């Protein structure tokens, strides 16, 4: 199982690096948006690499996460909680992989993301 996860991870890294020249930069999204939902819509319509949304069965806490890969191994992380949706910027790709493969998404979110990255 670990070999499969490693293979998927390496394939994703290779594909994102190979497409880096034709993608727009995270800097393209540093302008002010009137709302977070406007920024999310812009991200969804952009040519950034998008990872499949990871959905949990949690009733409370983290319910789904999505990652929009930019440049320099960073991107935007969209976290949907039971009562709100938060978008974090400049999240390293390595944090995304650690997050989705963590034993507890809720614990990883609280310990490694919630206070360590800037929410928009």
N, C-alpha and C. Protein backbone atom coordinates (compact mmCIF):
# COMPACT_ATOMS: atom_id res chain seq x y z
N UNK A 1 0.82 -1.19 0.00
CA UNK A 1 0.00 0.00 0.00
C UNK A 1 0.87 1.27 0.00
N UNK A 2 1.94 1.24 0.79
CA UNK A 2 2.83 2.40 0.84
C UNK A 2 3.47 2.66 -0.51
N UNK A 3 3.77 1.58 -1.25
CA UNK A 3 4.36 1.75 -2.58
C UNK A 3 3.40 2.42 -3.53
N UNK A 4 2.13 2.10 -3.43
CA UNK A 4 1.12 2.71 -4.29
C UNK A 4 0.99 4.20 -3.98
N UNK A 5 0.93 4.53 -2.69
CA UNK A 5 0.84 5.94 -2.28
C UNK A 5 2.07 6.70 -2.75
N UNK A 6 3.24 6.12 -2.60
CA UNK A 6 4.47 6.77 -3.05
C UNK A 6 4.46 6.96 -4.56
N UNK A 7 4.01 5.97 -5.29
CA UNK A 7 3.94 6.06 -6.74
C UNK A 7 2.98 7.17 -7.18
N UNK A 8 1.83 7.26 -6.55
CA UNK A 8 0.86 8.32 -6.87
C UNK A 8 1.45 9.69 -6.56
N UNK A 9 2.09 9.81 -5.41
CA UNK A 9 2.70 11.07 -5.01
C UNK A 9 3.78 11.49 -5.99
N UNK A 10 4.65 10.58 -6.35
CA UNK A 10 5.73 10.89 -7.28
C UNK A 10 5.19 11.26 -8.66
N UNK A 11 4.16 10.56 -9.11
CA UNK A 11 3.54 10.87 -10.40
C UNK A 11 2.97 12.28 -10.41
N UNK A 12 2.27 12.63 -9.32
CA UNK A 12 1.70 13.97 -9.22
C UNK A 12 2.79 15.03 -9.24
N UNK A 13 3.85 14.82 -8.48
CA UNK A 13 4.96 15.78 -8.44
C UNK A 13 5.60 15.95 -9.81
N UNK A 14 5.79 14.85 -10.52
CA UNK A 14 6.38 14.90 -11.86
C UNK A 14 5.48 15.69 -12.81
N UNK A 15 4.19 15.41 -12.79
CA UNK A 15 3.26 16.10 -13.68
C UNK A 15 3.16 17.58 -13.38
N UNK A 16 3.15 17.94 -12.11
CA UNK A 16 3.05 19.36 -11.76
C UNK A 16 4.32 20.10 -12.13
N UNK A 17 5.47 19.47 -11.96
CA UNK A 17 6.73 20.11 -12.35
C UNK A 17 6.80 20.25 -13.88
N UNK A 18 6.34 19.24 -14.60
CA UNK A 18 6.38 19.27 -16.05
C UNK A 18 5.49 20.37 -16.62
N UNK A 19 4.40 20.68 -15.92
CA UNK A 19 3.46 21.69 -16.40
C UNK A 19 3.70 23.07 -15.81
N UNK A 20 4.75 23.23 -15.02
CA UNK A 20 4.97 24.47 -14.28
C UNK A 20 5.11 25.69 -15.20
N UNK A 21 5.71 25.52 -16.37
CA UNK A 21 5.93 26.65 -17.25
C UNK A 21 4.64 27.22 -17.81
N UNK A 22 3.63 26.39 -18.00
CA UNK A 22 2.42 26.88 -18.65
C UNK A 22 1.34 27.28 -17.66
N UNK A 23 1.60 27.19 -16.37
CA UNK A 23 0.62 27.56 -15.38
C UNK A 23 0.79 29.01 -14.97
N UNK A 24 -0.28 29.58 -14.48
CA UNK A 24 -0.16 30.93 -13.95
C UNK A 24 0.46 30.86 -12.56
N UNK A 25 0.90 31.97 -12.10
CA UNK A 25 1.60 32.06 -10.82
C UNK A 25 0.63 32.34 -9.68
N UNK A 26 1.01 31.96 -8.48
CA UNK A 26 0.22 32.32 -7.30
C UNK A 26 0.15 33.83 -7.16
N UNK A 27 1.18 34.52 -7.65
CA UNK A 27 1.18 35.98 -7.57
C UNK A 27 0.02 36.59 -8.34
N UNK A 28 -0.49 35.86 -9.34
CA UNK A 28 -1.63 36.35 -10.10
C UNK A 28 -2.87 36.49 -9.23
N UNK A 29 -2.87 35.82 -8.08
CA UNK A 29 -4.04 35.82 -7.21
C UNK A 29 -3.84 36.68 -5.96
N UNK A 30 -2.78 37.45 -5.91
CA UNK A 30 -2.51 38.27 -4.73
C UNK A 30 -3.29 39.58 -4.71
N UNK A 31 -4.01 39.87 -5.78
CA UNK A 31 -4.83 41.08 -5.76
C UNK A 31 -6.01 40.89 -4.81
N UNK A 32 -6.62 41.96 -4.43
CA UNK A 32 -7.74 41.91 -3.49
C UNK A 32 -9.01 41.45 -4.21
N UNK A 33 -9.70 40.55 -3.57
CA UNK A 33 -11.00 40.10 -4.06
C UNK A 33 -12.06 40.58 -3.08
N UNK A 34 -13.25 40.82 -3.58
CA UNK A 34 -14.31 41.31 -2.71
C UNK A 34 -14.75 40.27 -1.69
N UNK A 35 -14.58 39.01 -2.03
CA UNK A 35 -14.96 37.96 -1.09
C UNK A 35 -14.11 36.72 -1.35
N UNK A 36 -14.09 35.86 -0.36
CA UNK A 36 -13.36 34.61 -0.51
C UNK A 36 -14.00 33.76 -1.60
N UNK A 37 -15.32 33.78 -1.68
CA UNK A 37 -16.00 32.97 -2.70
C UNK A 37 -15.63 33.43 -4.11
N UNK A 38 -15.37 34.72 -4.28
CA UNK A 38 -14.93 35.23 -5.58
C UNK A 38 -13.54 34.69 -5.92
N UNK A 39 -12.66 34.65 -4.93
CA UNK A 39 -11.32 34.09 -5.14
C UNK A 39 -11.40 32.60 -5.45
N UNK A 40 -12.22 31.87 -4.72
CA UNK A 40 -12.37 30.43 -4.97
C UNK A 40 -12.88 30.19 -6.39
N UNK A 41 -13.86 30.98 -6.82
CA UNK A 41 -14.39 30.85 -8.18
C UNK A 41 -13.30 31.12 -9.21
N UNK A 42 -12.48 32.14 -8.96
CA UNK A 42 -11.37 32.47 -9.86
C UNK A 42 -10.36 31.33 -9.91
N UNK A 43 -10.06 30.73 -8.75
CA UNK A 43 -9.14 29.59 -8.71
C UNK A 43 -9.70 28.42 -9.51
N UNK A 44 -10.99 28.15 -9.35
CA UNK A 44 -11.63 27.04 -10.06
C UNK A 44 -11.60 27.24 -11.56
N UNK A 45 -11.65 28.48 -12.01
CA UNK A 45 -11.66 28.79 -13.44
C UNK A 45 -10.26 28.98 -14.02
N UNK A 46 -9.24 28.98 -13.16
CA UNK A 46 -7.87 29.22 -13.61
C UNK A 46 -7.28 27.95 -14.21
N UNK A 47 -6.05 28.09 -14.71
CA UNK A 47 -5.36 26.92 -15.24
C UNK A 47 -4.38 26.33 -14.23
N UNK A 48 -4.59 26.63 -12.95
CA UNK A 48 -3.78 26.00 -11.91
C UNK A 48 -4.10 24.52 -11.85
N UNK A 49 -3.09 23.74 -11.49
CA UNK A 49 -3.32 22.32 -11.27
C UNK A 49 -4.23 22.16 -10.06
N UNK A 50 -5.27 21.37 -10.21
CA UNK A 50 -6.21 21.15 -9.11
C UNK A 50 -6.15 19.69 -8.72
N UNK A 51 -6.03 19.45 -7.43
CA UNK A 51 -6.03 18.08 -6.96
C UNK A 51 -7.46 17.69 -6.64
N UNK A 52 -7.79 16.42 -6.78
CA UNK A 52 -9.15 16.01 -6.46
C UNK A 52 -9.51 16.36 -5.01
N UNK A 53 -10.74 16.77 -4.81
CA UNK A 53 -11.20 17.11 -3.46
C UNK A 53 -11.24 15.85 -2.62
N UNK A 54 -10.72 15.96 -1.42
CA UNK A 54 -10.70 14.85 -0.47
C UNK A 54 -11.85 15.09 0.50
N UNK A 55 -12.82 14.18 0.52
CA UNK A 55 -14.01 14.33 1.34
C UNK A 55 -13.96 13.34 2.50
N UNK A 56 -14.32 13.82 3.69
CA UNK A 56 -14.36 12.96 4.87
C UNK A 56 -15.81 12.64 5.22
N UNK A 57 -15.99 11.73 6.12
CA UNK A 57 -17.33 11.39 6.60
C UNK A 57 -17.63 12.09 7.93
N UNK A 58 -16.81 13.04 8.28
CA UNK A 58 -16.94 13.74 9.55
C UNK A 58 -18.19 14.62 9.57
N UNK A 59 -18.89 14.57 10.69
CA UNK A 59 -20.06 15.43 10.87
C UNK A 59 -19.62 16.81 11.34
N UNK A 60 -18.62 16.85 12.17
CA UNK A 60 -18.06 18.10 12.68
C UNK A 60 -16.59 18.16 12.27
N UNK A 61 -16.05 19.34 12.25
CA UNK A 61 -14.64 19.48 11.89
C UNK A 61 -14.43 19.50 10.39
N UNK A 62 -13.27 19.00 9.95
CA UNK A 62 -12.90 18.99 8.53
C UNK A 62 -13.81 18.04 7.76
N UNK A 63 -14.49 18.59 6.75
CA UNK A 63 -15.38 17.76 5.93
C UNK A 63 -14.83 17.52 4.53
N UNK A 64 -14.06 18.47 4.00
CA UNK A 64 -13.40 18.25 2.72
C UNK A 64 -12.24 19.22 2.56
N UNK A 65 -11.29 18.83 1.73
CA UNK A 65 -10.13 19.68 1.44
C UNK A 65 -9.81 19.59 -0.04
N UNK A 66 -9.37 20.71 -0.60
CA UNK A 66 -8.95 20.79 -2.00
C UNK A 66 -7.65 21.59 -2.05
N UNK A 67 -6.85 21.32 -3.04
CA UNK A 67 -5.56 22.00 -3.17
C UNK A 67 -5.38 22.48 -4.60
N UNK A 68 -5.03 23.76 -4.75
CA UNK A 68 -4.74 24.36 -6.05
C UNK A 68 -3.24 24.65 -6.10
N UNK A 69 -2.52 23.88 -6.88
CA UNK A 69 -1.06 23.98 -6.95
C UNK A 69 -0.66 25.17 -7.81
N UNK A 70 0.23 25.99 -7.27
CA UNK A 70 0.76 27.14 -8.02
C UNK A 70 2.18 26.85 -8.46
N UNK A 71 3.06 27.75 -8.11
CA UNK A 71 4.46 27.61 -8.47
C UNK A 71 5.31 27.46 -7.22
N UNK A 72 6.55 27.09 -7.41
CA UNK A 72 7.50 26.95 -6.30
C UNK A 72 6.99 26.01 -5.22
N UNK A 73 6.29 24.97 -5.61
CA UNK A 73 5.77 23.95 -4.69
C UNK A 73 4.85 24.50 -3.61
N UNK A 74 4.09 25.51 -3.95
CA UNK A 74 3.12 26.09 -3.03
C UNK A 74 1.77 26.22 -3.73
N UNK A 75 0.74 26.44 -2.95
CA UNK A 75 -0.57 26.62 -3.53
C UNK A 75 -1.59 27.08 -2.51
N UNK A 76 -2.85 27.01 -2.91
CA UNK A 76 -3.97 27.38 -2.06
C UNK A 76 -4.64 26.12 -1.54
N UNK A 77 -4.96 26.11 -0.27
CA UNK A 77 -5.64 24.97 0.37
C UNK A 77 -7.02 25.43 0.80
N UNK A 78 -8.05 24.78 0.28
CA UNK A 78 -9.42 25.09 0.63
C UNK A 78 -9.92 24.02 1.60
N UNK A 79 -10.26 24.45 2.81
CA UNK A 79 -10.71 23.54 3.86
C UNK A 79 -12.16 23.87 4.17
N UNK A 80 -13.03 22.87 4.01
CA UNK A 80 -14.44 23.05 4.37
C UNK A 80 -14.68 22.38 5.71
N UNK A 81 -15.08 23.22 6.67
CA UNK A 81 -15.43 22.73 8.00
C UNK A 81 -16.94 22.62 8.09
N UNK A 82 -17.44 22.11 9.18
CA UNK A 82 -18.88 21.94 9.31
C UNK A 82 -19.64 23.26 9.29
N UNK A 83 -18.99 24.36 9.67
CA UNK A 83 -19.69 25.63 9.75
C UNK A 83 -19.11 26.75 8.89
N UNK A 84 -17.99 26.49 8.20
CA UNK A 84 -17.39 27.52 7.35
C UNK A 84 -16.40 26.92 6.37
N UNK A 85 -15.96 27.77 5.47
CA UNK A 85 -15.00 27.38 4.45
C UNK A 85 -13.83 28.35 4.55
N UNK A 86 -12.60 27.81 4.65
CA UNK A 86 -11.41 28.64 4.78
C UNK A 86 -10.44 28.35 3.65
N UNK A 87 -9.83 29.41 3.14
CA UNK A 87 -8.86 29.29 2.07
C UNK A 87 -7.52 29.78 2.60
N UNK A 88 -6.51 28.91 2.53
CA UNK A 88 -5.17 29.25 3.01
C UNK A 88 -4.26 29.42 1.81
N UNK A 89 -3.37 30.41 1.89
CA UNK A 89 -2.45 30.64 0.77
C UNK A 89 -1.03 30.24 1.15
N UNK A 90 -0.22 30.01 0.11
CA UNK A 90 1.19 29.66 0.26
C UNK A 90 1.40 28.40 1.09
N UNK A 91 0.57 27.42 0.88
CA UNK A 91 0.69 26.14 1.57
C UNK A 91 1.59 25.23 0.72
N UNK A 92 2.67 24.72 1.30
CA UNK A 92 3.56 23.83 0.54
C UNK A 92 2.86 22.55 0.09
N UNK A 93 3.26 22.07 -1.06
CA UNK A 93 2.72 20.83 -1.60
C UNK A 93 2.94 19.67 -0.63
N UNK A 94 4.06 19.67 0.06
CA UNK A 94 4.35 18.60 1.02
C UNK A 94 3.32 18.58 2.15
N UNK A 95 2.85 19.75 2.57
CA UNK A 95 1.83 19.82 3.63
C UNK A 95 0.53 19.21 3.13
N UNK A 96 0.18 19.45 1.87
CA UNK A 96 -1.02 18.86 1.29
C UNK A 96 -0.97 17.33 1.38
N UNK A 97 0.16 16.75 0.96
CA UNK A 97 0.28 15.29 1.01
C UNK A 97 0.26 14.76 2.43
N UNK A 98 0.95 15.43 3.33
CA UNK A 98 0.91 15.01 4.74
C UNK A 98 -0.51 15.08 5.28
N UNK A 99 -1.23 16.11 4.89
CA UNK A 99 -2.60 16.32 5.37
C UNK A 99 -3.52 15.18 4.93
N UNK A 100 -3.54 14.89 3.64
CA UNK A 100 -4.49 13.88 3.16
C UNK A 100 -4.12 12.45 3.59
N UNK A 101 -2.86 12.24 3.97
CA UNK A 101 -2.47 10.91 4.43
C UNK A 101 -2.33 10.83 5.95
N UNK A 102 -2.74 11.87 6.65
CA UNK A 102 -2.65 11.88 8.12
C UNK A 102 -3.67 10.90 8.72
N UNK A 103 -3.33 10.36 9.87
CA UNK A 103 -4.25 9.45 10.57
C UNK A 103 -5.52 10.17 10.99
N UNK A 104 -5.40 11.44 11.36
CA UNK A 104 -6.55 12.24 11.76
C UNK A 104 -6.48 13.59 11.06
N UNK A 105 -7.39 13.81 10.11
CA UNK A 105 -7.40 15.09 9.40
C UNK A 105 -7.64 16.24 10.36
N UNK A 106 -8.54 16.05 11.30
CA UNK A 106 -8.86 17.11 12.25
C UNK A 106 -7.64 17.50 13.09
N UNK A 107 -6.93 16.51 13.60
CA UNK A 107 -5.74 16.79 14.42
C UNK A 107 -4.66 17.46 13.58
N UNK A 108 -4.43 16.96 12.38
CA UNK A 108 -3.40 17.55 11.52
C UNK A 108 -3.77 19.00 11.19
N UNK A 109 -5.03 19.22 10.89
CA UNK A 109 -5.48 20.58 10.59
C UNK A 109 -5.20 21.52 11.76
N UNK A 110 -5.59 21.12 12.94
CA UNK A 110 -5.39 21.98 14.12
C UNK A 110 -3.91 22.19 14.43
N UNK A 111 -3.12 21.13 14.32
CA UNK A 111 -1.71 21.20 14.72
C UNK A 111 -0.79 21.81 13.66
N UNK A 112 -1.09 21.61 12.38
CA UNK A 112 -0.13 21.97 11.34
C UNK A 112 -0.60 23.04 10.35
N UNK A 113 -1.89 23.34 10.30
CA UNK A 113 -2.39 24.26 9.28
C UNK A 113 -3.08 25.47 9.86
N UNK A 114 -4.00 25.26 10.76
CA UNK A 114 -4.89 26.31 11.24
C UNK A 114 -4.18 27.58 11.66
N UNK A 115 -3.09 27.47 12.38
CA UNK A 115 -2.39 28.66 12.87
C UNK A 115 -1.06 28.92 12.17
N UNK A 116 -0.66 28.02 11.27
CA UNK A 116 0.64 28.16 10.62
C UNK A 116 0.58 28.83 9.25
N UNK A 117 -0.61 28.93 8.68
CA UNK A 117 -0.74 29.51 7.34
C UNK A 117 -1.77 30.63 7.38
N UNK A 118 -1.68 31.52 6.40
CA UNK A 118 -2.54 32.68 6.35
C UNK A 118 -3.86 32.31 5.69
N UNK A 119 -4.95 32.50 6.42
CA UNK A 119 -6.28 32.29 5.86
C UNK A 119 -6.72 33.58 5.17
N UNK A 120 -7.29 33.43 4.02
CA UNK A 120 -7.75 34.61 3.25
C UNK A 120 -9.19 34.90 3.61
